[in-house]
Amino acid sequence: MRGVTVRSTSVFGGLSGFFQSLFGGAISSYTAVCEQARAETFALMRRHAKTMGANAIIGVRYDATDFGGLAEVICYGTAVIAIPISDSNRNEDASA
């Protein structure tokens, strides 16, 4: 399963980020774009898994690429159908 988005800052966010980078420290406009992209790709991945009939995703990873002032973010993992083990099944497994 995967979720992909490409994001950029606005002109004002880019200028703000440029001036913040001159003084060092966290760059709030870029942080906000990254957090929005992370949340969006995670939601897209969950939606994709749900359409495939999965109820869980394991091995979730994020990757990001910067190109020309844009950021591509991908979130991916393995969609599975998780089946809870009931207490009675655990007891049977333990005695075997």
PDB file of N, CA and C in Angstrom:
ATOM      1  N   MET A   1       0.840  -1.162   0.000  1.00  0.00           N
ATOM      2  CA  MET A   1       0.000   0.000   0.000  1.00  0.00           C
ATOM      3  C   MET A   1       0.890   1.232   0.000  1.00  0.00           C
ATOM      4  N   ARG A   2       0.373   2.307  -0.570  1.00  0.00           N
ATOM      5  CA  ARG A   2       1.175   3.522  -0.600  1.00  0.00           C
ATOM      6  C   ARG A   2       0.274   4.742  -0.627  1.00  0.00           C
ATOM      7  N   GLY A   3       0.850   5.844  -0.246  1.00  0.00           N
ATOM      8  CA  GLY A   3       0.249   7.160  -0.366  1.00  0.00           C
ATOM      9  C   GLY A   3       1.337   8.103  -0.829  1.00  0.00           C
ATOM     10  N   VAL A   4       1.062   8.913  -1.837  1.00  0.00           N
ATOM     11  CA  VAL A   4       2.068   9.804  -2.403  1.00  0.00           C
ATOM     12  C   VAL A   4       1.481  11.204  -2.513  1.00  0.00           C
ATOM     13  N   THR A   5       2.284  12.219  -2.208  1.00  0.00           N
ATOM     14  CA  THR A   5       1.890  13.599  -2.429  1.00  0.00           C
ATOM     15  C   THR A   5       3.113  14.417  -2.805  1.00  0.00           C
ATOM     16  N   VAL A   6       2.876  15.495  -3.519  1.00  0.00           N
ATOM     17  CA  VAL A   6       3.940  16.445  -3.849  1.00  0.00           C
ATOM     18  C   VAL A   6       3.493  17.785  -3.313  1.00  0.00           C
ATOM     19  N   ARG A   7       4.329  18.432  -2.541  1.00  0.00           N
ATOM     20  CA  ARG A   7       3.981  19.688  -1.882  1.00  0.00           C
ATOM     21  C   ARG A   7       5.021  20.754  -2.155  1.00  0.00           C
ATOM     22  N   SER A   8       4.584  21.990  -2.044  1.00  0.00           N
ATOM     23  CA  SER A   8       5.504  23.126  -2.098  1.00  0.00           C
ATOM     24  C   SER A   8       4.998  24.182  -1.125  1.00  0.00           C
ATOM     25  N   THR A   9       5.860  25.083  -0.774  1.00  0.00           N
ATOM     26  CA  THR A   9       5.438  26.201   0.061  1.00  0.00           C
ATOM     27  C   THR A   9       4.889  27.299  -0.849  1.00  0.00           C
ATOM     28  N   SER A  10       4.126  28.197  -0.279  1.00  0.00           N
ATOM     29  CA  SER A  10       3.664  29.353  -1.044  1.00  0.00           C
ATOM     30  C   SER A  10       4.841  30.316  -1.225  1.00  0.00           C
ATOM     31  N   VAL A  11       4.650  31.322  -2.026  1.00  0.00           N
ATOM     32  CA  VAL A  11       5.699  32.333  -2.219  1.00  0.00           C
ATOM     33  C   VAL A  11       6.061  32.960  -0.881  1.00  0.00           C
ATOM     34  N   PHE A  12       5.045  33.277  -0.080  1.00  0.00           N
ATOM     35  CA  PHE A  12       5.303  33.895   1.222  1.00  0.00           C
ATOM     36  C   PHE A  12       5.968  32.916   2.177  1.00  0.00           C
ATOM     37  N   GLY A  13       5.540  31.648   2.132  1.00  0.00           N
ATOM     38  CA  GLY A  13       6.180  30.636   2.970  1.00  0.00           C
ATOM     39  C   GLY A  13       7.626  30.434   2.581  1.00  0.00           C
ATOM     40  N   GLY A  14       7.910  30.475   1.261  1.00  0.00           N
ATOM     41  CA  GLY A  14       9.283  30.337   0.787  1.00  0.00           C
ATOM     42  C   GLY A  14      10.161  31.484   1.228  1.00  0.00           C
ATOM     43  N   LEU A  15       9.622  32.706   1.147  1.00  0.00           N
ATOM     44  CA  LEU A  15      10.393  33.871   1.600  1.00  0.00           C
ATOM     45  C   LEU A  15      10.629  33.816   3.108  1.00  0.00           C
ATOM     46  N   SER A  16       9.592  33.443   3.834  1.00  0.00           N
ATOM     47  CA  SER A  16       9.720  33.313   5.290  1.00  0.00           C
ATOM     48  C   SER A  16      10.779  32.270   5.628  1.00  0.00           C
ATOM     49  N   GLY A  17      10.728  31.124   4.938  1.00  0.00           N
ATOM     50  CA  GLY A  17      11.710  30.069   5.165  1.00  0.00           C
ATOM     51  C   GLY A  17      13.119  30.510   4.830  1.00  0.00           C
ATOM     52  N   PHE A  18      13.255  31.284   3.753  1.00  0.00           N
ATOM     53  CA  PHE A  18      14.577  31.794   3.368  1.00  0.00           C
ATOM     54  C   PHE A  18      15.156  32.672   4.470  1.00  0.00           C
ATOM     55  N   PHE A  19      14.345  33.602   4.979  1.00  0.00           N
ATOM     56  CA  PHE A  19      14.854  34.496   6.024  1.00  0.00           C
ATOM     57  C   PHE A  19      15.124  33.747   7.326  1.00  0.00           C
ATOM     58  N   GLN A  20      14.286  32.767   7.660  1.00  0.00           N
ATOM     59  CA  GLN A  20      14.541  31.982   8.866  1.00  0.00           C
ATOM     60  C   GLN A  20      15.827  31.169   8.713  1.00  0.00           C
ATOM     61  N   SER A  21      16.119  30.699   7.499  1.00  0.00           N
ATOM     62  CA  SER A  21      17.323  29.898   7.297  1.00  0.00           C
ATOM     63  C   SER A  21      18.596  30.727   7.482  1.00  0.00           C
ATOM     64  N   LEU A  22      18.499  32.029   7.292  1.00  0.00           N
ATOM     65  CA  LEU A  22      19.666  32.888   7.492  1.00  0.00           C
ATOM     66  C   LEU A  22      20.114  32.910   8.947  1.00  0.00           C
ATOM     67  N   PHE A  23      19.169  32.730   9.860  1.00  0.00           N
ATOM     68  CA  PHE A  23      19.474  32.796  11.287  1.00  0.00           C
ATOM     69  C   PHE A  23      19.577  31.422  11.934  1.00  0.00           C
ATOM     70  N   GLY A  24      19.304  30.366  11.190  1.00  0.00           N
ATOM     71  CA  GLY A  24      19.390  29.018  11.737  1.00  0.00           C
ATOM     72  C   GLY A  24      18.157  28.646  12.535  1.00  0.00           C
ATOM     73  N   GLY A  25      18.115  27.424  12.990  1.00  0.00           N
ATOM     74  CA  GLY A  25      16.993  26.943  13.792  1.00  0.00           C
ATOM     75  C   GLY A  25      15.897  26.350  12.929  1.00  0.00           C
ATOM     76  N   ALA A  26      14.782  26.057  13.567  1.00  0.00           N
ATOM     77  CA  ALA A  26      13.642  25.444  12.886  1.00  0.00           C
ATOM     78  C   ALA A  26      13.019  26.426  11.905  1.00  0.00           C
ATOM     79  N   ILE A  27      12.609  25.929  10.775  1.00  0.00           N
ATOM     80  CA  ILE A  27      11.972  26.754   9.747  1.00  0.00           C
ATOM     81  C   ILE A  27      10.496  26.371   9.717  1.00  0.00           C
ATOM     82  N   SER A  28       9.683  27.175  10.381  1.00  0.00           N
ATOM     83  CA  SER A  28       8.284  26.807  10.630  1.00  0.00           C
ATOM     84  C   SER A  28       7.465  26.607   9.368  1.00  0.00           C
ATOM     85  N   SER A  29       7.698  27.404   8.324  1.00  0.00           N
ATOM     86  CA  SER A  29       6.895  27.240   7.109  1.00  0.00           C
ATOM     87  C   SER A  29       7.198  25.902   6.432  1.00  0.00           C
ATOM     88  N   TYR A  30       8.445  25.480   6.426  1.00  0.00           N
ATOM     89  CA  TYR A  30       8.799  24.193   5.836  1.00  0.00           C
ATOM     90  C   TYR A  30       8.338  23.039   6.724  1.00  0.00           C
ATOM     91  N   THR A  31       8.423  23.217   8.034  1.00  0.00           N
ATOM     92  CA  THR A  31       7.956  22.192   8.957  1.00  0.00           C
ATOM     93  C   THR A  31       6.471  21.935   8.755  1.00  0.00           C
ATOM     94  N   ALA A  32       5.701  22.991   8.577  1.00  0.00           N
ATOM     95  CA  ALA A  32       4.255  22.844   8.368  1.00  0.00           C
ATOM     96  C   ALA A  32       3.966  22.081   7.077  1.00  0.00           C
ATOM     97  N   VAL A  33       4.694  22.379   6.005  1.00  0.00           N
ATOM     98  CA  VAL A  33       4.496  21.677   4.735  1.00  0.00           C
ATOM     99  C   VAL A  33       4.837  20.199   4.892  1.00  0.00           C
ATOM    100  N   CYS A  34       5.925  19.902   5.582  1.00  0.00           N
ATOM    101  CA  CYS A  34       6.330  18.505   5.793  1.00  0.00           C
ATOM    102  C   CYS A  34       5.301  17.749   6.617  1.00  0.00           C
ATOM    103  N   GLU A  35       4.796  18.368   7.661  1.00  0.00           N
ATOM    104  CA  GLU A  35       3.798  17.712   8.509  1.00  0.00           C
ATOM    105  C   GLU A  35       2.496  17.476   7.741  1.00  0.00           C
ATOM    106  N   GLN A  36       2.075  18.431   6.931  1.00  0.00           N
ATOM    107  CA  GLN A  36       0.868  18.243   6.113  1.00  0.00           C
ATOM    108  C   GLN A  36       1.061  17.108   5.114  1.00  0.00           C
ATOM    109  N   ALA A  37       2.228  17.055   4.499  1.00  0.00           N
ATOM    110  CA  ALA A  37       2.517  15.996   3.534  1.00  0.00           C
ATOM    111  C   ALA A  37       2.538  14.635   4.214  1.00  0.00           C
ATOM    112  N   ARG A  38       3.142  14.547   5.391  1.00  0.00           N
ATOM    113  CA  ARG A  38       3.188  13.280   6.132  1.00  0.00           C
ATOM    114  C   ARG A  38       1.786  12.799   6.460  1.00  0.00           C
ATOM    115  N   ALA A  39       0.951  13.699   6.980  1.00  0.00           N
ATOM    116  CA  ALA A  39      -0.416  13.328   7.353  1.00  0.00           C
ATOM    117  C   ALA A  39      -1.230  12.921   6.124  1.00  0.00           C
ATOM    118  N   GLU A  40      -1.049  13.645   5.024  1.00  0.00           N
ATOM    119  CA  GLU A  40      -1.803  13.340   3.809  1.00  0.00           C
ATOM    120  C   GLU A  40      -1.420  11.980   3.235  1.00  0.00           C
ATOM    121  N   THR A  41      -0.121  11.686   3.170  1.00  0.00           N
ATOM    122  CA  THR A  41       0.297  10.401   2.610  1.00  0.00           C
ATOM    123  C   THR A  41      -0.141   9.241   3.490  1.00  0.00           C
ATOM    124  N   PHE A  42      -0.124   9.432   4.806  1.00  0.00           N
ATOM    125  CA  PHE A  42      -0.574   8.377   5.715  1.00  0.00           C
ATOM    126  C   PHE A  42      -2.060   8.099   5.498  1.00  0.00           C
ATOM    127  N   ALA A  43      -2.860   9.157   5.384  1.00  0.00           N
ATOM    128  CA  ALA A  43      -4.300   8.995   5.150  1.00  0.00           C
ATOM    129  C   ALA A  43      -4.559   8.323   3.800  1.00  0.00           C
ATOM    130  N   LEU A  44      -3.811   8.715   2.768  1.00  0.00           N
ATOM    131  CA  LEU A  44      -3.971   8.090   1.453  1.00  0.00           C
ATOM    132  C   LEU A  44      -3.625   6.608   1.507  1.00  0.00           C
ATOM    133  N   MET A  45      -2.556   6.259   2.213  1.00  0.00           N
ATOM    134  CA  MET A  45      -2.162   4.865   2.343  1.00  0.00           C
ATOM    135  C   MET A  45      -3.242   4.062   3.059  1.00  0.00           C
ATOM    136  N   ARG A  46      -3.786   4.618   4.149  1.00  0.00           N
ATOM    137  CA  ARG A  46      -4.850   3.928   4.886  1.00  0.00           C
ATOM    138  C   ARG A  46      -6.072   3.702   4.005  1.00  0.00           C
ATOM    139  N   ARG A  47      -6.441   4.738   3.234  1.00  0.00           N
ATOM    140  CA  ARG A  47      -7.592   4.625   2.337  1.00  0.00           C
ATOM    141  C   ARG A  47      -7.355   3.539   1.281  1.00  0.00           C
ATOM    142  N   HIS A  48      -6.142   3.509   0.739  1.00  0.00           N
ATOM    143  CA  HIS A  48      -5.794   2.504  -0.259  1.00  0.00           C
ATOM    144  C   HIS A  48      -5.882   1.102   0.333  1.00  0.00           C
ATOM    145  N   ALA A  49      -5.371   0.914   1.527  1.00  0.00           N
ATOM    146  CA  ALA A  49      -5.428  -0.392   2.190  1.00  0.00           C
ATOM    147  C   ALA A  49      -6.875  -0.810   2.452  1.00  0.00           C
ATOM    148  N   LYS A  50      -7.689   0.129   2.865  1.00  0.00           N
ATOM    149  CA  LYS A  50      -9.093  -0.181   3.154  1.00  0.00           C
ATOM    150  C   LYS A  50      -9.826  -0.634   1.893  1.00  0.00           C
ATOM    151  N   THR A  51      -9.552   0.002   0.759  1.00  0.00           N
ATOM    152  CA  THR A  51     -10.203  -0.405  -0.484  1.00  0.00           C
ATOM    153  C   THR A  51      -9.782  -1.809  -0.908  1.00  0.00           C
ATOM    154  N   MET A  52      -8.626  -2.263  -0.441  1.00  0.00           N
ATOM    155  CA  MET A  52      -8.152  -3.610  -0.739  1.00  0.00           C
ATOM    156  C   MET A  52      -8.675  -4.639   0.265  1.00  0.00           C
ATOM    157  N   GLY A  53      -9.431  -4.174   1.277  1.00  0.00           N
ATOM    158  CA  GLY A  53      -9.993  -5.084   2.268  1.00  0.00           C
ATOM    159  C   GLY A  53      -9.122  -5.312   3.484  1.00  0.00           C
ATOM    160  N   ALA A  54      -8.035  -4.586   3.616  1.00  0.00           N
ATOM    161  CA  ALA A  54      -7.137  -4.757   4.764  1.00  0.00           C
ATOM    162  C   ALA A  54      -7.676  -3.996   5.973  1.00  0.00           C
ATOM    163  N   ASN A  55      -7.319  -4.468   7.159  1.00  0.00           N
ATOM    164  CA  ASN A  55      -7.691  -3.761   8.383  1.00  0.00           C
ATOM    165  C   ASN A  55      -6.467  -3.356   9.210  1.00  0.00           C
ATOM    166  N   ALA A  56      -5.276  -3.570   8.643  1.00  0.00           N
ATOM    167  CA  ALA A  56      -4.039  -3.171   9.322  1.00  0.00           C
ATOM    168  C   ALA A  56      -2.941  -2.993   8.278  1.00  0.00           C
ATOM    169  N   ILE A  57      -1.928  -2.214   8.641  1.00  0.00           N
ATOM    170  CA  ILE A  57      -0.766  -2.014   7.778  1.00  0.00           C
ATOM    171  C   ILE A  57       0.470  -2.207   8.646  1.00  0.00           C
ATOM    172  N   ILE A  58       1.375  -3.046   8.186  1.00  0.00           N
ATOM    173  CA  ILE A  58       2.601  -3.300   8.950  1.00  0.00           C
ATOM    174  C   ILE A  58       3.815  -2.803   8.159  1.00  0.00           C
ATOM    175  N   GLY A  59       4.902  -2.565   8.855  1.00  0.00           N
ATOM    176  CA  GLY A  59       6.147  -2.158   8.210  1.00  0.00           C
ATOM    177  C   GLY A  59       6.044  -0.808   7.519  1.00  0.00           C
ATOM    178  N   VAL A  60       5.394   0.155   8.160  1.00  0.00           N
ATOM    179  CA  VAL A  60       5.178   1.468   7.540  1.00  0.00           C
ATOM    180  C   VAL A  60       6.488   2.242   7.474  1.00  0.00           C
ATOM    181  N   ARG A  61       6.731   2.854   6.322  1.00  0.00           N
ATOM    182  CA  ARG A  61       7.926   3.660   6.097  1.00  0.00           C
ATOM    183  C   ARG A  61       7.546   4.938   5.367  1.00  0.00           C
ATOM    184  N   TYR A  62       8.367   5.945   5.524  1.00  0.00           N
ATOM    185  CA  TYR A  62       8.221   7.210   4.789  1.00  0.00           C
ATOM    186  C   TYR A  62       9.495   7.447   3.998  1.00  0.00           C
ATOM    187  N   ASP A  63       9.340   8.099   2.863  1.00  0.00           N
ATOM    188  CA  ASP A  63      10.490   8.515   2.071  1.00  0.00           C
ATOM    189  C   ASP A  63      10.148   9.875   1.488  1.00  0.00           C
ATOM    190  N   ALA A  64      11.132  10.720   1.310  1.00  0.00           N
ATOM    191  CA  ALA A  64      10.907  12.055   0.754  1.00  0.00           C
ATOM    192  C   ALA A  64      12.020  12.392  -0.213  1.00  0.00           C
ATOM    193  N   THR A  65      11.646  13.111  -1.262  1.00  0.00           N
ATOM    194  CA  THR A  65      12.589  13.571  -2.265  1.00  0.00           C
ATOM    195  C   THR A  65      12.324  15.042  -2.534  1.00  0.00           C
ATOM    196  N   ASP A  66      13.380  15.810  -2.621  1.00  0.00           N
ATOM    197  CA  ASP A  66      13.265  17.233  -2.926  1.00  0.00           C
ATOM    198  C   ASP A  66      13.715  17.438  -4.362  1.00  0.00           C
ATOM    199  N   PHE A  67      12.889  18.136  -5.135  1.00  0.00           N
ATOM    200  CA  PHE A  67      13.311  18.464  -6.489  1.00  0.00           C
ATOM    201  C   PHE A  67      12.717  19.802  -6.895  1.00  0.00           C
ATOM    202  N   GLY A  68      13.604  20.729  -7.196  1.00  0.00           N
ATOM    203  CA  GLY A  68      13.191  22.039  -7.675  1.00  0.00           C
ATOM    204  C   GLY A  68      12.272  22.804  -6.754  1.00  0.00           C
ATOM    205  N   GLY A  69      12.485  22.724  -5.452  1.00  0.00           N
ATOM    206  CA  GLY A  69      11.644  23.443  -4.503  1.00  0.00           C
ATOM    207  C   GLY A  69      10.361  22.717  -4.144  1.00  0.00           C
ATOM    208  N   LEU A  70      10.147  21.543  -4.712  1.00  0.00           N
ATOM    209  CA  LEU A  70       8.988  20.721  -4.384  1.00  0.00           C
ATOM    210  C   LEU A  70       9.451  19.535  -3.557  1.00  0.00           C
ATOM    211  N   ALA A  71       8.552  19.023  -2.749  1.00  0.00           N
ATOM    212  CA  ALA A  71       8.883  17.843  -1.955  1.00  0.00           C
ATOM    213  C   ALA A  71       7.880  16.745  -2.273  1.00  0.00           C
ATOM    214  N   GLU A  72       8.398  15.587  -2.671  1.00  0.00           N
ATOM    215  CA  GLU A  72       7.555  14.413  -2.865  1.00  0.00           C
ATOM    216  C   GLU A  72       7.687  13.572  -1.608  1.00  0.00           C
ATOM    217  N   VAL A  73       6.576  13.182  -1.044  1.00  0.00           N
ATOM    218  CA  VAL A  73       6.575  12.339   0.151  1.00  0.00           C
ATOM    219  C   VAL A  73       5.770  11.090  -0.170  1.00  0.00           C
ATOM    220  N   ILE A  74       6.333   9.934   0.173  1.00  0.00           N
ATOM    221  CA  ILE A  74       5.631   8.677  -0.014  1.00  0.00           C
ATOM    222  C   ILE A  74       5.610   7.933   1.316  1.00  0.00           C
ATOM    223  N   CYS A  75       4.485   7.352   1.602  1.00  0.00           N
ATOM    224  CA  CYS A  75       4.309   6.527   2.795  1.00  0.00           C
ATOM    225  C   CYS A  75       3.882   5.154   2.288  1.00  0.00           C
ATOM    226  N   TYR A  76       4.548   4.101   2.734  1.00  0.00           N
ATOM    227  CA  TYR A  76       4.213   2.781   2.227  1.00  0.00           C
ATOM    228  C   TYR A  76       4.353   1.723   3.308  1.00  0.00           C
ATOM    229  N   GLY A  77       3.672   0.631   3.125  1.00  0.00           N
ATOM    230  CA  GLY A  77       3.712  -0.474   4.055  1.00  0.00           C
ATOM    231  C   GLY A  77       3.014  -1.676   3.444  1.00  0.00           C
ATOM    232  N   THR A  78       2.874  -2.715   4.225  1.00  0.00           N
ATOM    233  CA  THR A  78       2.231  -3.943   3.775  1.00  0.00           C
ATOM    234  C   THR A  78       0.848  -4.031   4.401  1.00  0.00           C
ATOM    235  N   ALA A  79      -0.170  -4.082   3.554  1.00  0.00           N
ATOM    236  CA  ALA A  79      -1.548  -4.187   4.023  1.00  0.00           C
ATOM    237  C   ALA A  79      -1.842  -5.645   4.367  1.00  0.00           C
ATOM    238  N   VAL A  80      -2.481  -5.856   5.506  1.00  0.00           N
ATOM    239  CA  VAL A  80      -2.810  -7.206   5.961  1.00  0.00           C
ATOM    240  C   VAL A  80      -4.216  -7.232   6.540  1.00  0.00           C
ATOM    241  N   ILE A  81      -4.728  -8.435   6.690  1.00  0.00           N
ATOM    242  CA  ILE A  81      -5.968  -8.629   7.434  1.00  0.00           C
ATOM    243  C   ILE A  81      -5.546  -9.257   8.755  1.00  0.00           C
ATOM    244  N   ALA A  82      -5.666  -8.488   9.826  1.00  0.00           N
ATOM    245  CA  ALA A  82      -5.272  -8.952  11.156  1.00  0.00           C
ATOM    246  C   ALA A  82      -6.467  -9.623  11.819  1.00  0.00           C
ATOM    247  N   ILE A  83      -6.239 -10.819  12.346  1.00  0.00           N
ATOM    248  CA  ILE A  83      -7.285 -11.557  13.036  1.00  0.00           C
ATOM    249  C   ILE A  83      -6.873 -11.701  14.494  1.00  0.00           C
ATOM    250  N   PRO A  84      -7.668 -11.148  15.416  1.00  0.00           N
ATOM    251  CA  PRO A  84      -7.308 -11.239  16.835  1.00  0.00           C
ATOM    252  C   PRO A  84      -7.281 -12.689  17.316  1.00  0.00           C
ATOM    253  N   ILE A  85      -6.357 -12.975  18.197  1.00  0.00           N
ATOM    254  CA  ILE A  85      -6.305 -14.294  18.834  1.00  0.00           C
ATOM    255  C   ILE A  85      -7.125 -14.205  20.106  1.00  0.00           C
ATOM    256  N   SER A  86      -8.144 -15.029  20.205  1.00  0.00           N
ATOM    257  CA  SER A  86      -8.992 -15.002  21.401  1.00  0.00           C
ATOM    258  C   SER A  86      -8.274 -15.710  22.543  1.00  0.00           C
ATOM    259  N   ASP A  87      -8.750 -15.507  23.759  1.00  0.00           N
ATOM    260  CA  ASP A  87      -8.143 -16.134  24.927  1.00  0.00           C
ATOM    261  C   ASP A  87      -8.211 -17.654  24.836  1.00  0.00           C
ATOM    262  N   SER A  88      -9.317 -18.199  24.295  1.00  0.00           N
ATOM    263  CA  SER A  88      -9.436 -19.648  24.210  1.00  0.00           C
ATOM    264  C   SER A  88      -8.402 -20.225  23.236  1.00  0.00           C
ATOM    265  N   ASN A  89      -8.114 -19.538  22.158  1.00  0.00           N
ATOM    266  CA  ASN A  89      -7.100 -20.006  21.221  1.00  0.00           C
ATOM    267  C   ASN A  89      -5.719 -19.975  21.855  1.00  0.00           C
ATOM    268  N   ARG A  90      -5.438 -18.984  22.653  1.00  0.00           N
ATOM    269  CA  ARG A  90      -4.137 -18.908  23.325  1.00  0.00           C
ATOM    270  C   ARG A  90      -3.943 -20.085  24.267  1.00  0.00           C
ATOM    271  N   ASN A  91      -4.984 -20.448  25.028  1.00  0.00           N
ATOM    272  CA  ASN A  91      -4.898 -21.555  25.962  1.00  0.00           C
ATOM    273  C   ASN A  91      -4.669 -22.869  25.239  1.00  0.00           C
ATOM    274  N   GLU A  92      -5.346 -23.071  24.085  1.00  0.00           N
ATOM    275  CA  GLU A  92      -5.155 -24.284  23.321  1.00  0.00           C
ATOM    276  C   GLU A  92      -3.740 -24.361  22.775  1.00  0.00           C
ATOM    277  N   ASP A  93      -3.209 -23.225  22.288  1.00  0.00           N
ATOM    278  CA  ASP A  93      -1.851 -23.208  21.751  1.00  0.00           C
ATOM    279  C   ASP A  93      -0.824 -23.498  22.845  1.00  0.00           C
ATOM    280  N   ALA A  94      -1.050 -23.017  24.039  1.00  0.00           N
ATOM    281  CA  ALA A  94      -0.106 -23.195  25.140  1.00  0.00           C
ATOM    282  C   ALA A  94      -0.043 -24.654  25.590  1.00  0.00           C
ATOM    283  N   SER A  95      -1.150 -25.385  25.494  1.00  0.00           N
ATOM    284  CA  SER A  95      -1.167 -26.760  25.973  1.00  0.00           C
ATOM    285  C   SER A  95      -0.654 -27.748  24.912  1.00  0.00           C
ATOM    286  N   ALA A  96      -0.514 -27.305  23.684  1.00  0.00           N
ATOM    287  CA  ALA A  96      -0.074 -28.213  22.604  1.00  0.00           C
ATOM    288  C   ALA A  96       1.404 -28.460  22.633  1.00  0.00           C
TER     289      ALA A  96
END
